[in-house]
Amino acid sequence: MTKSIRIWPWKSAPPQFRKLSNNGGDEDWIVYIPQEHLSDVDHSLWLDNIDSCAEPQKIQLKNGDWIFIGSHS
């Protein structure tokens, strides 16, 4: 079964993803991209540029999937 790309507002994101943040409480959103979909998403055009102050935090999970955490600090 193929996993889906998911986007959550910060407060609705799964706790196991929220605890990965190093943004100090200014988080706005989380995007989950399964490894098999990473090449389908040109995150350089939209995901890397939607924060108001900086690039999102990027975390590769042990299973190869990716988490992007956006914040306004």
Protein backbone atom coordinates (compact mmCIF):
# COMPACT_ATOMS: atom_id res chain seq x y z
CA MET A 1 0.00 0.00 0.00
CA THR A 2 1.34 3.42 -0.94
CA LYS A 3 1.61 6.02 1.77
CA SER A 4 0.26 9.50 1.15
CA ILE A 5 1.80 12.94 1.49
CA ARG A 6 0.20 14.63 4.50
CA ILE A 7 0.04 18.25 5.64
CA TRP A 8 -1.08 19.31 9.12
CA PRO A 9 -1.43 22.56 11.02
CA TRP A 10 1.02 22.34 13.91
CA LYS A 11 -1.53 21.62 16.64
CA SER A 12 -3.17 18.82 14.61
CA ALA A 13 0.07 17.03 13.65
CA PRO A 14 0.89 13.66 15.21
CA PRO A 15 2.78 14.08 18.49
CA GLN A 16 5.63 11.82 17.32
CA PHE A 17 6.34 14.34 14.54
CA ARG A 18 5.87 17.45 16.69
CA LYS A 19 8.49 16.25 19.18
CA LEU A 20 11.12 16.32 16.39
CA SER A 21 11.00 20.10 16.13
CA ASN A 22 13.91 22.29 17.19
CA ASN A 23 12.05 25.56 16.49
CA GLY A 24 11.28 26.52 20.07
CA GLY A 25 7.50 26.87 19.97
CA ASP A 26 7.03 28.98 16.84
CA GLU A 27 5.96 26.08 14.61
CA ASP A 28 3.13 26.51 12.12
CA TRP A 29 2.81 23.28 10.12
CA ILE A 30 4.23 19.82 9.39
CA VAL A 31 4.46 18.05 6.04
CA TYR A 32 5.08 14.29 5.84
CA ILE A 33 6.46 12.95 2.56
CA PRO A 34 6.96 9.20 2.20
CA GLN A 35 10.28 8.25 0.62
CA GLU A 36 8.55 6.80 -2.45
CA HIS A 37 6.94 10.20 -3.16
CA LEU A 38 9.92 12.48 -2.53
CA SER A 39 10.88 12.54 -6.22
CA ASP A 40 7.25 13.42 -7.09
CA VAL A 41 7.38 16.61 -5.02
CA ASP A 42 9.52 19.53 -6.12
CA HIS A 43 9.79 20.93 -2.62
CA SER A 44 12.38 23.47 -3.78
CA LEU A 45 9.60 25.42 -5.48
CA TRP A 46 7.01 25.56 -2.74
CA LEU A 47 7.86 23.74 0.48
CA ASP A 48 11.29 25.30 0.93
CA ASN A 49 9.82 28.77 0.41
CA ILE A 50 6.58 28.96 2.39
CA ASP A 51 8.07 29.89 5.75
CA SER A 52 7.96 33.56 6.57
CA CYS A 53 11.50 33.70 7.95
CA ALA A 54 13.53 30.64 6.98
CA GLU A 55 13.59 27.28 5.27
CA PRO A 56 11.63 24.59 7.05
CA GLN A 57 13.39 22.13 9.29
CA LYS A 58 13.99 18.91 7.31
CA ILE A 59 14.17 15.55 9.05
CA GLN A 60 14.72 12.19 7.42
CA LEU A 61 13.13 9.42 9.47
CA LYS A 62 14.83 6.03 9.98
CA ASN A 63 12.49 4.46 7.41
CA GLY A 64 13.57 6.99 4.75
CA ASP A 65 10.43 9.14 4.91
CA TRP A 66 10.72 12.91 5.39
CA ILE A 67 9.22 15.45 7.77
CA PHE A 68 9.30 19.20 7.02
CA ILE A 69 8.47 21.55 9.90
CA GLY A 70 7.64 25.16 9.18
CA SER A 71 7.87 27.95 11.70
CA HIS A 72 7.78 31.72 11.79
CA SER A 73 10.94 32.22 13.82
